[in-house]
C-alpha atoms as a PDB file:
ATOM      1  CA  UNK A   1      -2.522  13.553  11.557  1.00  0.00           C
ATOM      2  CA  UNK A   2      -1.519  16.224   9.110  1.00  0.00           C
ATOM      3  CA  UNK A   3       1.965  16.941   7.971  1.00  0.00           C
ATOM      4  CA  UNK A   4       3.451  19.253   5.399  1.00  0.00           C
ATOM      5  CA  UNK A   5       5.419  17.081   2.956  1.00  0.00           C
ATOM      6  CA  UNK A   6       7.989  19.806   2.627  1.00  0.00           C
ATOM      7  CA  UNK A   7       8.826  19.477   6.293  1.00  0.00           C
ATOM      8  CA  UNK A   8       9.589  15.769   6.157  1.00  0.00           C
ATOM      9  CA  UNK A   9      13.054  14.441   5.849  1.00  0.00           C
ATOM     10  CA  UNK A  10      13.894  13.243   2.308  1.00  0.00           C
ATOM     11  CA  UNK A  11      14.220   9.548   3.567  1.00  0.00           C
ATOM     12  CA  UNK A  12      10.687   9.720   4.989  1.00  0.00           C
ATOM     13  CA  UNK A  13       9.208  11.752   2.083  1.00  0.00           C
ATOM     14  CA  UNK A  14      10.297   9.337  -0.558  1.00  0.00           C
ATOM     15  CA  UNK A  15       8.228   6.648   1.099  1.00  0.00           C
ATOM     16  CA  UNK A  16       4.975   8.625   1.229  1.00  0.00           C
ATOM     17  CA  UNK A  17       2.452   7.933  -1.530  1.00  0.00           C
ATOM     18  CA  UNK A  18      -1.141   9.307  -2.215  1.00  0.00           C
ATOM     19  CA  UNK A  19      -3.946   6.863  -1.601  1.00  0.00           C
ATOM     20  CA  UNK A  20      -5.572   5.797  -4.888  1.00  0.00           C
ATOM     21  CA  UNK A  21      -9.380   5.599  -4.659  1.00  0.00           C
ATOM     22  CA  UNK A  22     -11.075   3.027  -6.967  1.00  0.00           C
ATOM     23  CA  UNK A  23     -14.285   1.338  -7.682  1.00  0.00           C
ATOM     24  CA  UNK A  24     -12.399  -1.858  -8.397  1.00  0.00           C
ATOM     25  CA  UNK A  25     -12.824  -4.536  -5.661  1.00  0.00           C
ATOM     26  CA  UNK A  26      -9.217  -5.287  -4.563  1.00  0.00           C
ATOM     27  CA  UNK A  27      -8.763  -8.451  -2.472  1.00  0.00           C
ATOM     28  CA  UNK A  28      -5.546  -7.310  -0.737  1.00  0.00           C
ATOM     29  CA  UNK A  29      -5.369 -10.427   1.476  1.00  0.00           C
ATOM     30  CA  UNK A  30      -5.560 -12.733  -1.480  1.00  0.00           C
ATOM     31  CA  UNK A  31      -2.921 -10.723  -3.389  1.00  0.00           C
ATOM     32  CA  UNK A  32      -0.519 -10.826  -0.399  1.00  0.00           C
ATOM     33  CA  UNK A  33      -1.250 -14.487   0.380  1.00  0.00           C
ATOM     34  CA  UNK A  34      -0.353 -15.450  -3.255  1.00  0.00           C
ATOM     35  CA  UNK A  35       2.753 -13.290  -3.198  1.00  0.00           C
ATOM     36  CA  UNK A  36       4.189 -14.672   0.091  1.00  0.00           C
ATOM     37  CA  UNK A  37       3.378 -18.236  -0.860  1.00  0.00           C
ATOM     38  CA  UNK A  38       5.864 -17.779  -3.778  1.00  0.00           C
ATOM     39  CA  UNK A  39       3.386 -17.434  -6.621  1.00  0.00           C
ATOM     40  CA  UNK A  40       5.497 -15.752  -9.334  1.00  0.00           C
ATOM     41  CA  UNK A  41       2.351 -14.975 -11.383  1.00  0.00           C
ATOM     42  CA  UNK A  42       1.375 -12.120  -9.068  1.00  0.00           C
ATOM     43  CA  UNK A  43       2.056  -8.804 -10.753  1.00  0.00           C
ATOM     44  CA  UNK A  44       4.651  -6.999  -8.596  1.00  0.00           C
ATOM     45  CA  UNK A  45       2.817  -3.701  -9.247  1.00  0.00           C
ATOM     46  CA  UNK A  46      -0.209  -5.046  -7.599  1.00  0.00           C
ATOM     47  CA  UNK A  47       1.829  -5.894  -4.432  1.00  0.00           C
ATOM     48  CA  UNK A  48       2.998  -2.334  -4.255  1.00  0.00           C
ATOM     49  CA  UNK A  49      -0.523  -1.030  -4.720  1.00  0.00           C
ATOM     50  CA  UNK A  50      -2.108  -2.940  -1.778  1.00  0.00           C
ATOM     51  CA  UNK A  51      -1.236  -0.402   0.900  1.00  0.00           C
ATOM     52  CA  UNK A  52      -2.283   2.597  -1.104  1.00  0.00           C
ATOM     53  CA  UNK A  53      -5.680   1.400  -2.551  1.00  0.00           C
ATOM     54  CA  UNK A  54      -9.078   2.258  -0.953  1.00  0.00           C
ATOM     55  CA  UNK A  55     -12.649   2.278  -2.015  1.00  0.00           C
ATOM     56  CA  UNK A  56     -13.854   5.371  -3.816  1.00  0.00           C
ATOM     57  CA  UNK A  57     -16.245   5.850  -0.919  1.00  0.00           C
ATOM     58  CA  UNK A  58     -13.288   7.235   1.019  1.00  0.00           C
ATOM     59  CA  UNK A  59     -12.251   9.858  -1.472  1.00  0.00           C
ATOM     60  CA  UNK A  60     -13.081  12.685   0.746  1.00  0.00           C
ATOM     61  CA  UNK A  61     -10.253  11.760   3.142  1.00  0.00           C
ATOM     62  CA  UNK A  62      -7.494  12.583   0.519  1.00  0.00           C
ATOM     63  CA  UNK A  63      -5.063  10.371   2.441  1.00  0.00           C
ATOM     64  CA  UNK A  64      -1.385   9.682   1.941  1.00  0.00           C
ATOM     65  CA  UNK A  65       0.437   6.616   3.205  1.00  0.00           C
ATOM     66  CA  UNK A  66       3.893   5.852   4.403  1.00  0.00           C
ATOM     67  CA  UNK A  67       4.964   2.603   2.789  1.00  0.00           C
ATOM     68  CA  UNK A  68       8.282   0.908   3.306  1.00  0.00           C
ATOM     69  CA  UNK A  69       9.443  -2.635   2.699  1.00  0.00           C
ATOM     70  CA  UNK A  70      10.516  -4.499   5.741  1.00  0.00           C
ATOM     71  CA  UNK A  71      11.826  -8.036   4.938  1.00  0.00           C
ATOM     72  CA  UNK A  72      12.011  -8.939   8.581  1.00  0.00           C
ATOM     73  CA  UNK A  73       8.155  -8.823   8.834  1.00  0.00           C
ATOM     74  CA  UNK A  74       6.679 -12.339   8.418  1.00  0.00           C
ATOM     75  CA  UNK A  75       3.115 -12.655   7.155  1.00  0.00           C
ATOM     76  CA  UNK A  76       0.685 -15.288   8.370  1.00  0.00           C
ATOM     77  CA  UNK A  77      -2.529 -15.788   6.387  1.00  0.00           C
ATOM     78  CA  UNK A  78      -4.034 -18.687   8.232  1.00  0.00           C
END
C-alpha cells in the first residue's frame, strides 16, 4: 500500500518510521525473547529497532512501518 504521510492523521503519522536496511544480522526473536523474559541487560533501543530493521537486500522496497506499543499483547516464544 502507498500513502502520502501528509494525508495521515497526526496520531497515526507519529508512529510511522522508515525501515532501516542493514548488513548486520539481527536476531529479532532472541532480542524480544530476552526482553520479555525480564532480562534488563537488553538495550531498550534494540527493542524499538526490531520492527523497523531489514536486510540490506530489501533496500529497493523503501518501506515505512507503523509501530505502536500494545501492552495487552502477550508474546510466546516457545
